[in-house]
Amino acid sequence: MIQVRILFFASTREITGIPLLDITADEGESIESILETKVFPLFPALSSDAITRYSIALNKKYVNYTEIVKDGDELALLPPISGG
């Protein structure tokens, strides 16, 4: 088992009501698996179209959802950025 910290920003923080969540995951688990099995069940409002709507940063670098997490990793769930 590994420990992963998930950070929420902007609208994701508004939905969850918290800035971060520490979870336990299985070694070799992907970001997608962690979100689907551990985060979205806690915060169902995040899960609708989440895979296509949110960007993911792993240890401050943008990655895709298939990336494998390691013990102590920090995962940020970032909503779409808009502006003018």
C-alpha atoms as a PDB file:
ATOM      1  CA  MET A   1       0.000   0.000   0.000  1.00  0.00           C
ATOM      2  CA  ILE A   2       1.107   3.539  -0.750  1.00  0.00           C
ATOM      3  CA  GLN A   3       0.068   7.009   0.381  1.00  0.00           C
ATOM      4  CA  VAL A   4      -1.007   9.624  -2.176  1.00  0.00           C
ATOM      5  CA  ARG A   5      -2.086  13.218  -1.577  1.00  0.00           C
ATOM      6  CA  ILE A   6      -4.770  14.664  -3.849  1.00  0.00           C
ATOM      7  CA  LEU A   7      -5.042  18.445  -4.151  1.00  0.00           C
ATOM      8  CA  PHE A   8      -8.207  20.239  -5.246  1.00  0.00           C
ATOM      9  CA  PHE A   9      -8.219  23.680  -6.885  1.00  0.00           C
ATOM     10  CA  ALA A  10     -10.880  26.228  -7.890  1.00  0.00           C
ATOM     11  CA  SER A  11     -14.186  24.510  -8.761  1.00  0.00           C
ATOM     12  CA  THR A  12     -12.918  21.093  -7.633  1.00  0.00           C
ATOM     13  CA  ARG A  13     -12.242  22.586  -4.201  1.00  0.00           C
ATOM     14  CA  GLU A  14     -15.721  24.125  -4.157  1.00  0.00           C
ATOM     15  CA  ILE A  15     -17.262  20.742  -4.978  1.00  0.00           C
ATOM     16  CA  THR A  16     -15.272  18.801  -2.380  1.00  0.00           C
ATOM     17  CA  GLY A  17     -15.230  21.470   0.299  1.00  0.00           C
ATOM     18  CA  ILE A  18     -11.641  20.535   1.129  1.00  0.00           C
ATOM     19  CA  PRO A  19      -8.242  21.571  -0.253  1.00  0.00           C
ATOM     20  CA  LEU A  20      -6.661  18.115  -0.072  1.00  0.00           C
ATOM     21  CA  LEU A  21      -7.287  14.458   0.571  1.00  0.00           C
ATOM     22  CA  ASP A  22      -4.761  11.844   1.680  1.00  0.00           C
ATOM     23  CA  ILE A  23      -5.586   8.353   0.466  1.00  0.00           C
ATOM     24  CA  THR A  24      -4.143   4.878   0.546  1.00  0.00           C
ATOM     25  CA  ALA A  25      -3.768   3.177  -2.834  1.00  0.00           C
ATOM     26  CA  ASP A  26      -2.423  -0.085  -4.170  1.00  0.00           C
ATOM     27  CA  GLU A  27       1.126  -0.129  -5.462  1.00  0.00           C
ATOM     28  CA  GLY A  28       1.100   0.106  -9.267  1.00  0.00           C
ATOM     29  CA  GLU A  29      -2.305   1.797  -9.384  1.00  0.00           C
ATOM     30  CA  SER A  30      -3.003   4.379 -12.113  1.00  0.00           C
ATOM     31  CA  ILE A  31      -4.375   7.867 -11.613  1.00  0.00           C
ATOM     32  CA  GLU A  32      -7.564   6.854 -13.410  1.00  0.00           C
ATOM     33  CA  SER A  33      -8.064   3.902 -11.068  1.00  0.00           C
ATOM     34  CA  ILE A  34      -7.492   6.030  -7.978  1.00  0.00           C
ATOM     35  CA  LEU A  35      -9.977   8.642  -9.146  1.00  0.00           C
ATOM     36  CA  GLU A  36     -12.616   6.092 -10.155  1.00  0.00           C
ATOM     37  CA  THR A  37     -12.373   3.928  -7.034  1.00  0.00           C
ATOM     38  CA  LYS A  38     -11.378   6.311  -4.258  1.00  0.00           C
ATOM     39  CA  VAL A  39     -12.151   9.932  -5.127  1.00  0.00           C
ATOM     40  CA  PHE A  40     -15.275   9.980  -7.316  1.00  0.00           C
ATOM     41  CA  PRO A  41     -17.285   7.751  -4.933  1.00  0.00           C
ATOM     42  CA  LEU A  42     -16.636  10.318  -2.172  1.00  0.00           C
ATOM     43  CA  PHE A  43     -17.455  13.281  -4.437  1.00  0.00           C
ATOM     44  CA  PRO A  44     -19.906  12.139  -7.144  1.00  0.00           C
ATOM     45  CA  ALA A  45     -20.243  15.671  -8.544  1.00  0.00           C
ATOM     46  CA  LEU A  46     -16.630  15.428  -9.733  1.00  0.00           C
ATOM     47  CA  SER A  47     -17.122  12.243 -11.690  1.00  0.00           C
ATOM     48  CA  SER A  48     -19.368  13.392 -14.533  1.00  0.00           C
ATOM     49  CA  ASP A  49     -17.095  13.626 -17.571  1.00  0.00           C
ATOM     50  CA  ALA A  50     -14.118  14.093 -15.259  1.00  0.00           C
ATOM     51  CA  ILE A  51     -11.689  12.171 -17.422  1.00  0.00           C
ATOM     52  CA  THR A  52     -12.166  14.649 -20.252  1.00  0.00           C
ATOM     53  CA  ARG A  53     -12.832  17.825 -18.250  1.00  0.00           C
ATOM     54  CA  TYR A  54     -10.004  17.947 -15.717  1.00  0.00           C
ATOM     55  CA  SER A  55      -6.265  18.164 -16.131  1.00  0.00           C
ATOM     56  CA  ILE A  56      -4.018  16.165 -13.862  1.00  0.00           C
ATOM     57  CA  ALA A  57      -0.667  17.173 -12.435  1.00  0.00           C
ATOM     58  CA  LEU A  58       1.508  14.566 -10.760  1.00  0.00           C
ATOM     59  CA  ASN A  59       4.229  16.103  -8.621  1.00  0.00           C
ATOM     60  CA  LYS A  60       3.662  19.457 -10.383  1.00  0.00           C
ATOM     61  CA  LYS A  61       3.944  18.060 -13.934  1.00  0.00           C
ATOM     62  CA  TYR A  62       0.992  17.556 -16.270  1.00  0.00           C
ATOM     63  CA  VAL A  63       0.425  13.863 -17.007  1.00  0.00           C
ATOM     64  CA  ASN A  64      -2.290  11.655 -18.463  1.00  0.00           C
ATOM     65  CA  TYR A  65      -4.658   9.446 -16.508  1.00  0.00           C
ATOM     66  CA  THR A  66      -2.755   6.250 -17.226  1.00  0.00           C
ATOM     67  CA  GLU A  67       0.291   7.364 -15.221  1.00  0.00           C
ATOM     68  CA  ILE A  68       1.168   5.067 -12.311  1.00  0.00           C
ATOM     69  CA  VAL A  69       1.458   6.700  -8.891  1.00  0.00           C
ATOM     70  CA  LYS A  70       4.152   5.998  -6.328  1.00  0.00           C
ATOM     71  CA  ASP A  71       4.289   6.317  -2.572  1.00  0.00           C
ATOM     72  CA  GLY A  72       4.292   9.954  -1.480  1.00  0.00           C
ATOM     73  CA  ASP A  73       3.126  11.325  -4.843  1.00  0.00           C
ATOM     74  CA  GLU A  74       1.052  14.483  -4.987  1.00  0.00           C
ATOM     75  CA  LEU A  75      -1.802  14.503  -7.456  1.00  0.00           C
ATOM     76  CA  ALA A  76      -3.583  17.742  -8.390  1.00  0.00           C
ATOM     77  CA  LEU A  77      -7.030  17.727  -9.962  1.00  0.00           C
ATOM     78  CA  LEU A  78      -7.276  20.909 -12.038  1.00  0.00           C
ATOM     79  CA  PRO A  79     -10.479  22.216 -13.611  1.00  0.00           C
ATOM     80  CA  PRO A  80     -10.422  23.737 -17.097  1.00  0.00           C
ATOM     81  CA  ILE A  81      -8.864  27.185 -17.188  1.00  0.00           C
ATOM     82  CA  SER A  82     -10.790  29.909 -18.943  1.00  0.00           C
ATOM     83  CA  GLY A  83     -10.119  33.532 -19.450  1.00  0.00           C
ATOM     84  CA  GLY A  84     -10.069  36.287 -21.931  1.00  0.00           C
END
